[in-house]
Amino acid sequence: MNKTQIGIVCMIWVAASLFLAFLAPAWAEDKDAADAKAVVEKADATLGNFIADPDMGWFRSHVKEAQGIFIVPSLLKAGFILGGSGGTGVLLGRSETDGSWSPPAFFTMGSGSFGFAAGVEKAEVILMIMTPKGMDAMLSSSFKLGADTSVALGPVGAGARAQTADVLAFSRAKGVYGGISLEGSVIKTRDSLNNAYYGKAARTVDIVVQRSVENPHAAALIQKLSGAAK
């Protein structure tokens, strides 16, 4: 290969690299938008599962008292898939003025080792945020359950009574209820999904408190939660 040919190859390589570098952010944004939509749709299905569950009577009766609802459709036990643990979920906040629910904001929940019940590797989880302290924590960029806020297992079954805590944790997995300890779990905002889902930079406070962004795709989830809280 002579110098001219080498020069042409180098030019083609540089052009291709620049082209890929230009397209990469768009591809990443499209993937984030698709991932965000999938999480919302799964959260809608998870909420439906909890509403229909006969053992979740306390949950249904007290949704209207929660200041926020955090839904994680699929929480993985440490070592389950490629050693990963945790999951992605959405937070919806309730207005103190009219009781309406906000659009969803995206978060990750992770831990070195969740306290899963024996034989459980994956669970649906819903956190009821019961106090202003709990909501303030959710509005931060990162916090730890049990350290920055108190967390207790949500009551399940007939005649169940709740403990006093900033956050009540409910779970469903293979017929096991309330057996998953989330103490020490770290919850962090997932800005890339927030930004992709709403088409612009969107902080948690913009979504949950100020409600300055919206996406019609979330209408079904918001409507289902509103119906459950009546």
C-alpha atoms as a PDB file:
ATOM      1  CA  MET A   1       0.000   0.000   0.000  1.00  0.00           C
ATOM      2  CA  ASN A   2       1.507   3.302  -1.094  1.00  0.00           C
ATOM      3  CA  LYS A   3       1.349   6.623   0.744  1.00  0.00           C
ATOM      4  CA  THR A   4      -1.669   7.810  -1.252  1.00  0.00           C
ATOM      5  CA  GLN A   5      -3.647   4.684  -0.415  1.00  0.00           C
ATOM      6  CA  ILE A   6      -2.653   4.918   3.241  1.00  0.00           C
ATOM      7  CA  GLY A   7      -3.788   8.541   3.276  1.00  0.00           C
ATOM      8  CA  ILE A   8      -7.158   7.631   1.778  1.00  0.00           C
ATOM      9  CA  VAL A   9      -7.653   4.834   4.336  1.00  0.00           C
ATOM     10  CA  CYS A  10      -6.792   7.224   7.171  1.00  0.00           C
ATOM     11  CA  MET A  11      -9.240   9.809   5.837  1.00  0.00           C
ATOM     12  CA  ILE A  12     -11.997   7.198   5.601  1.00  0.00           C
ATOM     13  CA  TRP A  13     -11.245   5.992   9.161  1.00  0.00           C
ATOM     14  CA  VAL A  14     -11.353   9.539  10.536  1.00  0.00           C
ATOM     15  CA  ALA A  15     -14.588  10.308   8.689  1.00  0.00           C
ATOM     16  CA  ALA A  16     -16.204   7.104   9.929  1.00  0.00           C
ATOM     17  CA  SER A  17     -15.105   7.842  13.506  1.00  0.00           C
ATOM     18  CA  LEU A  18     -16.528  11.349  13.349  1.00  0.00           C
ATOM     19  CA  PHE A  19     -19.772  10.014  11.873  1.00  0.00           C
ATOM     20  CA  LEU A  20     -20.154   7.444  14.657  1.00  0.00           C
ATOM     21  CA  ALA A  21     -19.273  10.015  17.303  1.00  0.00           C
ATOM     22  CA  PHE A  22     -21.982  12.272  15.918  1.00  0.00           C
ATOM     23  CA  LEU A  23     -24.612   9.531  15.910  1.00  0.00           C
ATOM     24  CA  ALA A  24     -23.704   7.887  19.235  1.00  0.00           C
ATOM     25  CA  PRO A  25     -25.498  10.431  21.470  1.00  0.00           C
ATOM     26  CA  ALA A  26     -28.677  10.117  19.402  1.00  0.00           C
ATOM     27  CA  TRP A  27     -28.561   6.331  19.622  1.00  0.00           C
ATOM     28  CA  ALA A  28     -28.016   6.492  23.386  1.00  0.00           C
ATOM     29  CA  GLU A  29     -30.902   8.908  23.799  1.00  0.00           C
ATOM     30  CA  ASP A  30     -33.216   6.701  21.731  1.00  0.00           C
ATOM     31  CA  LYS A  31     -32.261   3.699  23.874  1.00  0.00           C
ATOM     32  CA  ASP A  32     -32.844   5.643  27.096  1.00  0.00           C
ATOM     33  CA  ALA A  33     -36.258   6.770  25.850  1.00  0.00           C
ATOM     34  CA  ALA A  34     -37.206   3.192  24.984  1.00  0.00           C
ATOM     35  CA  ASP A  35     -35.911   1.931  28.345  1.00  0.00           C
ATOM     36  CA  ALA A  36     -37.873   4.630  30.196  1.00  0.00           C
ATOM     37  CA  LYS A  37     -41.106   3.729  28.424  1.00  0.00           C
ATOM     38  CA  ALA A  38     -40.573   0.060  29.228  1.00  0.00           C
ATOM     39  CA  VAL A  39     -40.072   0.840  32.936  1.00  0.00           C
ATOM     40  CA  VAL A  40     -43.278   2.901  33.044  1.00  0.00           C
ATOM     41  CA  GLU A  41     -45.266   0.148  31.339  1.00  0.00           C
ATOM     42  CA  LYS A  42     -43.885  -2.485  33.716  1.00  0.00           C
ATOM     43  CA  ALA A  43     -44.593  -0.213  36.698  1.00  0.00           C
ATOM     44  CA  ASP A  44     -48.199   0.053  35.516  1.00  0.00           C
ATOM     45  CA  ALA A  45     -48.430  -3.753  35.395  1.00  0.00           C
ATOM     46  CA  THR A  46     -46.817  -4.087  38.826  1.00  0.00           C
ATOM     47  CA  LEU A  47     -49.239  -1.606  40.364  1.00  0.00           C
ATOM     48  CA  GLY A  48     -52.095  -3.574  38.852  1.00  0.00           C
ATOM     49  CA  ASN A  49     -50.736  -6.765  40.417  1.00  0.00           C
ATOM     50  CA  PHE A  50     -50.633  -5.158  43.863  1.00  0.00           C
ATOM     51  CA  ILE A  51     -54.120  -3.685  43.526  1.00  0.00           C
ATOM     52  CA  ALA A  52     -55.555  -7.078  42.536  1.00  0.00           C
ATOM     53  CA  ASP A  53     -53.704  -9.024  45.243  1.00  0.00           C
ATOM     54  CA  PRO A  54     -56.084 -10.050  48.063  1.00  0.00           C
ATOM     55  CA  ASP A  55     -53.212  -9.880  50.569  1.00  0.00           C
ATOM     56  CA  MET A  56     -52.584  -6.215  49.764  1.00  0.00           C
ATOM     57  CA  GLY A  57     -55.752  -4.878  51.340  1.00  0.00           C
ATOM     58  CA  TRP A  58     -53.880  -2.528  53.676  1.00  0.00           C
ATOM     59  CA  PHE A  59     -51.887  -1.189  50.759  1.00  0.00           C
ATOM     60  CA  ARG A  60     -55.026  -0.439  48.746  1.00  0.00           C
ATOM     61  CA  SER A  61     -56.781   1.184  51.705  1.00  0.00           C
ATOM     62  CA  HIS A  62     -53.889   3.498  52.540  1.00  0.00           C
ATOM     63  CA  VAL A  63     -52.499   4.528  49.142  1.00  0.00           C
ATOM     64  CA  LYS A  64     -54.371   7.812  49.506  1.00  0.00           C
ATOM     65  CA  GLU A  65     -52.352   8.583  52.650  1.00  0.00           C
ATOM     66  CA  ALA A  66     -48.959   8.190  51.003  1.00  0.00           C
ATOM     67  CA  GLN A  67     -47.008  11.271  49.977  1.00  0.00           C
ATOM     68  CA  GLY A  68     -45.311   9.301  47.240  1.00  0.00           C
ATOM     69  CA  ILE A  69     -45.303   5.863  45.631  1.00  0.00           C
ATOM     70  CA  PHE A  70     -42.076   4.323  44.332  1.00  0.00           C
ATOM     71  CA  ILE A  71     -42.599   1.291  42.067  1.00  0.00           C
ATOM     72  CA  VAL A  72     -39.773  -1.093  41.146  1.00  0.00           C
ATOM     73  CA  PRO A  73     -41.156  -3.681  38.697  1.00  0.00           C
ATOM     74  CA  SER A  74     -38.176  -6.024  38.937  1.00  0.00           C
ATOM     75  CA  LEU A  75     -35.760  -6.015  41.872  1.00  0.00           C
ATOM     76  CA  LEU A  76     -32.985  -8.566  41.397  1.00  0.00           C
ATOM     77  CA  LYS A  77     -31.196 -10.401  44.179  1.00  0.00           C
ATOM     78  CA  ALA A  78     -27.393 -10.112  44.301  1.00  0.00           C
ATOM     79  CA  GLY A  79     -25.776 -12.759  42.162  1.00  0.00           C
ATOM     80  CA  PHE A  80     -28.930 -13.467  40.143  1.00  0.00           C
ATOM     81  CA  ILE A  81     -28.181 -12.113  36.673  1.00  0.00           C
ATOM     82  CA  LEU A  82     -24.465 -11.596  36.004  1.00  0.00           C
ATOM     83  CA  GLY A  83     -23.962 -10.812  39.682  1.00  0.00           C
ATOM     84  CA  GLY A  84     -26.128  -7.722  39.527  1.00  0.00           C
ATOM     85  CA  SER A  85     -28.495  -6.547  42.223  1.00  0.00           C
ATOM     86  CA  GLY A  86     -31.152  -3.885  42.227  1.00  0.00           C
ATOM     87  CA  GLY A  87     -33.508  -2.423  39.683  1.00  0.00           C
ATOM     88  CA  THR A  88     -34.978   0.693  38.100  1.00  0.00           C
ATOM     89  CA  GLY A  89     -38.241   2.216  39.268  1.00  0.00           C
ATOM     90  CA  VAL A  90     -40.439   5.302  39.145  1.00  0.00           C
ATOM     91  CA  LEU A  91     -41.623   7.724  41.805  1.00  0.00           C
ATOM     92  CA  LEU A  92     -44.989   9.479  41.651  1.00  0.00           C
ATOM     93  CA  GLY A  93     -45.785  12.188  44.190  1.00  0.00           C
ATOM     94  CA  ARG A  94     -49.207  13.088  45.583  1.00  0.00           C
ATOM     95  CA  SER A  95     -50.305  16.742  45.690  1.00  0.00           C
ATOM     96  CA  GLU A  96     -51.311  17.900  49.162  1.00  0.00           C
ATOM     97  CA  THR A  97     -53.687  20.378  47.520  1.00  0.00           C
ATOM     98  CA  ASP A  98     -55.916  18.172  45.393  1.00  0.00           C
ATOM     99  CA  GLY A  99     -54.560  14.648  45.870  1.00  0.00           C
ATOM    100  CA  SER A 100     -53.528  14.297  42.224  1.00  0.00           C
ATOM    101  CA  TRP A 101     -50.468  12.279  41.248  1.00  0.00           C
ATOM    102  CA  SER A 102     -47.410  13.588  39.432  1.00  0.00           C
ATOM    103  CA  PRO A 103     -45.732  12.182  36.334  1.00  0.00           C
ATOM    104  CA  PRO A 104     -43.110   9.502  37.051  1.00  0.00           C
ATOM    105  CA  ALA A 105     -39.484  10.273  37.915  1.00  0.00           C
ATOM    106  CA  PHE A 106     -36.856   7.579  37.388  1.00  0.00           C
ATOM    107  CA  PHE A 107     -34.547   6.088  40.005  1.00  0.00           C
ATOM    108  CA  THR A 108     -32.321   3.091  40.563  1.00  0.00           C
ATOM    109  CA  MET A 109     -32.340   1.010  43.737  1.00  0.00           C
ATOM    110  CA  GLY A 110     -29.205  -0.965  44.515  1.00  0.00           C
ATOM    111  CA  SER A 111     -27.623  -2.888  47.360  1.00  0.00           C
ATOM    112  CA  GLY A 112     -24.772  -5.252  47.972  1.00  0.00           C
ATOM    113  CA  SER A 113     -27.184  -7.844  49.308  1.00  0.00           C
ATOM    114  CA  PHE A 114     -30.922  -7.462  49.705  1.00  0.00           C
ATOM    115  CA  GLY A 115     -32.548  -9.495  52.452  1.00  0.00           C
ATOM    116  CA  PHE A 116     -34.568 -11.691  50.123  1.00  0.00           C
ATOM    117  CA  ALA A 117     -36.626 -14.572  51.463  1.00  0.00           C
ATOM    118  CA  ALA A 118     -35.291 -18.056  50.812  1.00  0.00           C
ATOM    119  CA  GLY A 119     -35.719 -19.145  47.215  1.00  0.00           C
ATOM    120  CA  VAL A 120     -36.584 -15.657  45.932  1.00  0.00           C
ATOM    121  CA  GLU A 121     -34.348 -14.136  43.248  1.00  0.00           C
ATOM    122  CA  LYS A 122     -36.578 -11.443  41.795  1.00  0.00           C
ATOM    123  CA  ALA A 123     -39.441  -9.426  43.242  1.00  0.00           C
ATOM    124  CA  GLU A 124     -41.870  -6.642  42.497  1.00  0.00           C
ATOM    125  CA  VAL A 125     -41.462  -3.867  45.065  1.00  0.00           C
ATOM    126  CA  ILE A 126     -43.508  -0.814  45.977  1.00  0.00           C
ATOM    127  CA  LEU A 127     -42.401   1.737  48.550  1.00  0.00           C
ATOM    128  CA  MET A 128     -45.042   3.932  50.170  1.00  0.00           C
ATOM    129  CA  ILE A 129     -43.438   7.242  51.149  1.00  0.00           C
ATOM    130  CA  MET A 130     -45.366   8.212  54.274  1.00  0.00           C
ATOM    131  CA  THR A 131     -43.654  11.319  55.690  1.00  0.00           C
ATOM    132  CA  PRO A 132     -42.210  14.657  54.526  1.00  0.00           C
ATOM    133  CA  LYS A 133     -38.778  13.357  55.554  1.00  0.00           C
ATOM    134  CA  GLY A 134     -39.232  10.388  53.242  1.00  0.00           C
ATOM    135  CA  MET A 135     -40.263  12.597  50.316  1.00  0.00           C
ATOM    136  CA  ASP A 136     -37.384  15.015  50.957  1.00  0.00           C
ATOM    137  CA  ALA A 137     -35.023  12.052  50.702  1.00  0.00           C
ATOM    138  CA  MET A 138     -36.611  10.925  47.416  1.00  0.00           C
ATOM    139  CA  LEU A 139     -36.181  14.427  46.024  1.00  0.00           C
ATOM    140  CA  SER A 140     -32.434  14.305  46.703  1.00  0.00           C
ATOM    141  CA  SER A 141     -29.962  12.833  44.238  1.00  0.00           C
ATOM    142  CA  SER A 142     -29.131   9.844  46.441  1.00  0.00           C
ATOM    143  CA  PHE A 143     -30.003   8.418  49.851  1.00  0.00           C
ATOM    144  CA  LYS A 144     -29.875   5.205  51.850  1.00  0.00           C
ATOM    145  CA  LEU A 145     -32.910   3.474  53.303  1.00  0.00           C
ATOM    146  CA  GLY A 146     -32.523   2.906  57.014  1.00  0.00           C
ATOM    147  CA  ALA A 147     -29.819   5.553  57.361  1.00  0.00           C
ATOM    148  CA  ASP A 148     -31.280   8.735  55.890  1.00  0.00           C
ATOM    149  CA  THR A 149     -34.857   7.529  56.362  1.00  0.00           C
ATOM    150  CA  SER A 150     -36.529   4.833  58.441  1.00  0.00           C
ATOM    151  CA  VAL A 151     -37.974   1.871  56.548  1.00  0.00           C
ATOM    152  CA  ALA A 152     -40.295  -0.911  57.703  1.00  0.00           C
ATOM    153  CA  LEU A 153     -42.042  -3.813  56.040  1.00  0.00           C
ATOM    154  CA  GLY A 154     -45.516  -2.913  54.878  1.00  0.00           C
ATOM    155  CA  PRO A 155     -48.368  -4.873  56.463  1.00  0.00           C
ATOM    156  CA  VAL A 156     -49.940  -7.677  54.467  1.00  0.00           C
ATOM    157  CA  GLY A 157     -52.790 -10.067  55.130  1.00  0.00           C
ATOM    158  CA  ALA A 158     -55.993  -9.699  57.094  1.00  0.00           C
ATOM    159  CA  GLY A 159     -55.874  -7.503  60.181  1.00  0.00           C
ATOM    160  CA  ALA A 160     -52.328  -6.303  59.481  1.00  0.00           C
ATOM    161  CA  ARG A 161     -51.151  -3.087  61.094  1.00  0.00           C
ATOM    162  CA  ALA A 162     -48.380  -0.841  59.887  1.00  0.00           C
ATOM    163  CA  GLN A 163     -45.318   0.223  61.818  1.00  0.00           C
ATOM    164  CA  THR A 164     -44.421   3.879  62.066  1.00  0.00           C
ATOM    165  CA  ALA A 165     -41.756   4.674  59.453  1.00  0.00           C
ATOM    166  CA  ASP A 166     -40.856   7.176  56.769  1.00  0.00           C
ATOM    167  CA  VAL A 167     -41.087   4.418  54.155  1.00  0.00           C
ATOM    168  CA  LEU A 168     -43.170   1.241  54.074  1.00  0.00           C
ATOM    169  CA  ALA A 169     -41.885  -1.503  51.770  1.00  0.00           C
ATOM    170  CA  PHE A 170     -44.176  -4.016  50.063  1.00  0.00           C
ATOM    171  CA  SER A 171     -43.011  -6.891  47.886  1.00  0.00           C
ATOM    172  CA  ARG A 172     -44.448  -9.729  45.802  1.00  0.00           C
ATOM    173  CA  ALA A 173     -42.410 -12.720  44.657  1.00  0.00           C
ATOM    174  CA  LYS A 174     -43.503 -16.310  44.083  1.00  0.00           C
ATOM    175  CA  GLY A 175     -46.180 -16.079  46.731  1.00  0.00           C
ATOM    176  CA  VAL A 176     -43.821 -14.592  49.343  1.00  0.00           C
ATOM    177  CA  TYR A 177     -45.078 -11.301  50.775  1.00  0.00           C
ATOM    178  CA  GLY A 178     -43.365  -8.801  52.996  1.00  0.00           C
ATOM    179  CA  GLY A 179     -40.269 -10.972  53.390  1.00  0.00           C
ATOM    180  CA  ILE A 180     -37.713  -8.751  51.669  1.00  0.00           C
ATOM    181  CA  SER A 181     -35.571  -6.415  53.757  1.00  0.00           C
ATOM    182  CA  LEU A 182     -34.436  -3.271  51.942  1.00  0.00           C
ATOM    183  CA  GLU A 183     -32.429  -1.847  54.842  1.00  0.00           C
ATOM    184  CA  GLY A 184     -29.278  -0.215  53.489  1.00  0.00           C
ATOM    185  CA  SER A 185     -30.521  -0.002  49.906  1.00  0.00           C
ATOM    186  CA  VAL A 186     -29.305   3.055  48.013  1.00  0.00           C
ATOM    187  CA  ILE A 187     -31.782   4.946  45.837  1.00  0.00           C
ATOM    188  CA  LYS A 188     -30.382   7.304  43.190  1.00  0.00           C
ATOM    189  CA  THR A 189     -31.933   9.459  40.504  1.00  0.00           C
ATOM    190  CA  ARG A 190     -31.552   8.187  36.943  1.00  0.00           C
ATOM    191  CA  ASP A 191     -31.193  11.459  35.083  1.00  0.00           C
ATOM    192  CA  SER A 192     -30.568   9.910  31.669  1.00  0.00           C
ATOM    193  CA  LEU A 193     -34.022   8.296  31.683  1.00  0.00           C
ATOM    194  CA  ASN A 194     -35.705  11.416  33.062  1.00  0.00           C
ATOM    195  CA  ASN A 195     -34.171  13.554  30.332  1.00  0.00           C
ATOM    196  CA  ALA A 196     -34.937  11.080  27.547  1.00  0.00           C
ATOM    197  CA  TYR A 197     -38.517  10.423  28.679  1.00  0.00           C
ATOM    198  CA  TYR A 198     -39.435  14.106  28.856  1.00  0.00           C
ATOM    199  CA  GLY A 199     -37.312  15.272  25.935  1.00  0.00           C
ATOM    200  CA  LYS A 200     -35.307  17.793  27.962  1.00  0.00           C
ATOM    201  CA  ALA A 201     -33.352  18.140  31.189  1.00  0.00           C
ATOM    202  CA  ALA A 202     -35.725  17.275  34.016  1.00  0.00           C
ATOM    203  CA  ARG A 203     -34.847  17.094  37.707  1.00  0.00           C
ATOM    204  CA  THR A 204     -36.908  15.061  40.147  1.00  0.00           C
ATOM    205  CA  VAL A 205     -38.329  18.243  41.663  1.00  0.00           C
ATOM    206  CA  ASP A 206     -39.351  19.460  38.184  1.00  0.00           C
ATOM    207  CA  ILE A 207     -41.276  16.230  37.609  1.00  0.00           C
ATOM    208  CA  VAL A 208     -42.744  15.400  41.012  1.00  0.00           C
ATOM    209  CA  VAL A 209     -43.212  18.792  42.687  1.00  0.00           C
ATOM    210  CA  GLN A 210     -43.350  21.520  40.053  1.00  0.00           C
ATOM    211  CA  ARG A 211     -44.786  19.186  37.386  1.00  0.00           C
ATOM    212  CA  SER A 212     -43.248  21.348  34.683  1.00  0.00           C
ATOM    213  CA  VAL A 213     -42.836  18.399  32.285  1.00  0.00           C
ATOM    214  CA  GLU A 214     -45.205  15.726  31.071  1.00  0.00           C
ATOM    215  CA  ASN A 215     -45.406  12.726  28.784  1.00  0.00           C
ATOM    216  CA  PRO A 216     -48.806  11.370  27.644  1.00  0.00           C
ATOM    217  CA  HIS A 217     -47.299   7.882  27.736  1.00  0.00           C
ATOM    218  CA  ALA A 218     -47.572   7.946  31.568  1.00  0.00           C
ATOM    219  CA  ALA A 219     -51.328   8.613  31.570  1.00  0.00           C
ATOM    220  CA  ALA A 220     -52.316   4.972  32.167  1.00  0.00           C
ATOM    221  CA  LEU A 221     -50.034   4.615  35.189  1.00  0.00           C
ATOM    222  CA  ILE A 222     -51.190   7.900  36.723  1.00  0.00           C
ATOM    223  CA  GLN A 223     -54.831   7.003  36.141  1.00  0.00           C
ATOM    224  CA  LYS A 224     -54.426   3.572  37.745  1.00  0.00           C
ATOM    225  CA  LEU A 225     -52.751   5.056  40.822  1.00  0.00           C
ATOM    226  CA  SER A 226     -55.409   7.779  41.049  1.00  0.00           C
ATOM    227  CA  GLY A 227     -58.133   5.138  40.937  1.00  0.00           C
ATOM    228  CA  ALA A 228     -56.460   3.076  43.636  1.00  0.00           C
ATOM    229  CA  ALA A 229     -56.157   6.111  45.926  1.00  0.00           C
ATOM    230  CA  LYS A 230     -59.881   6.965  45.939  1.00  0.00           C
END
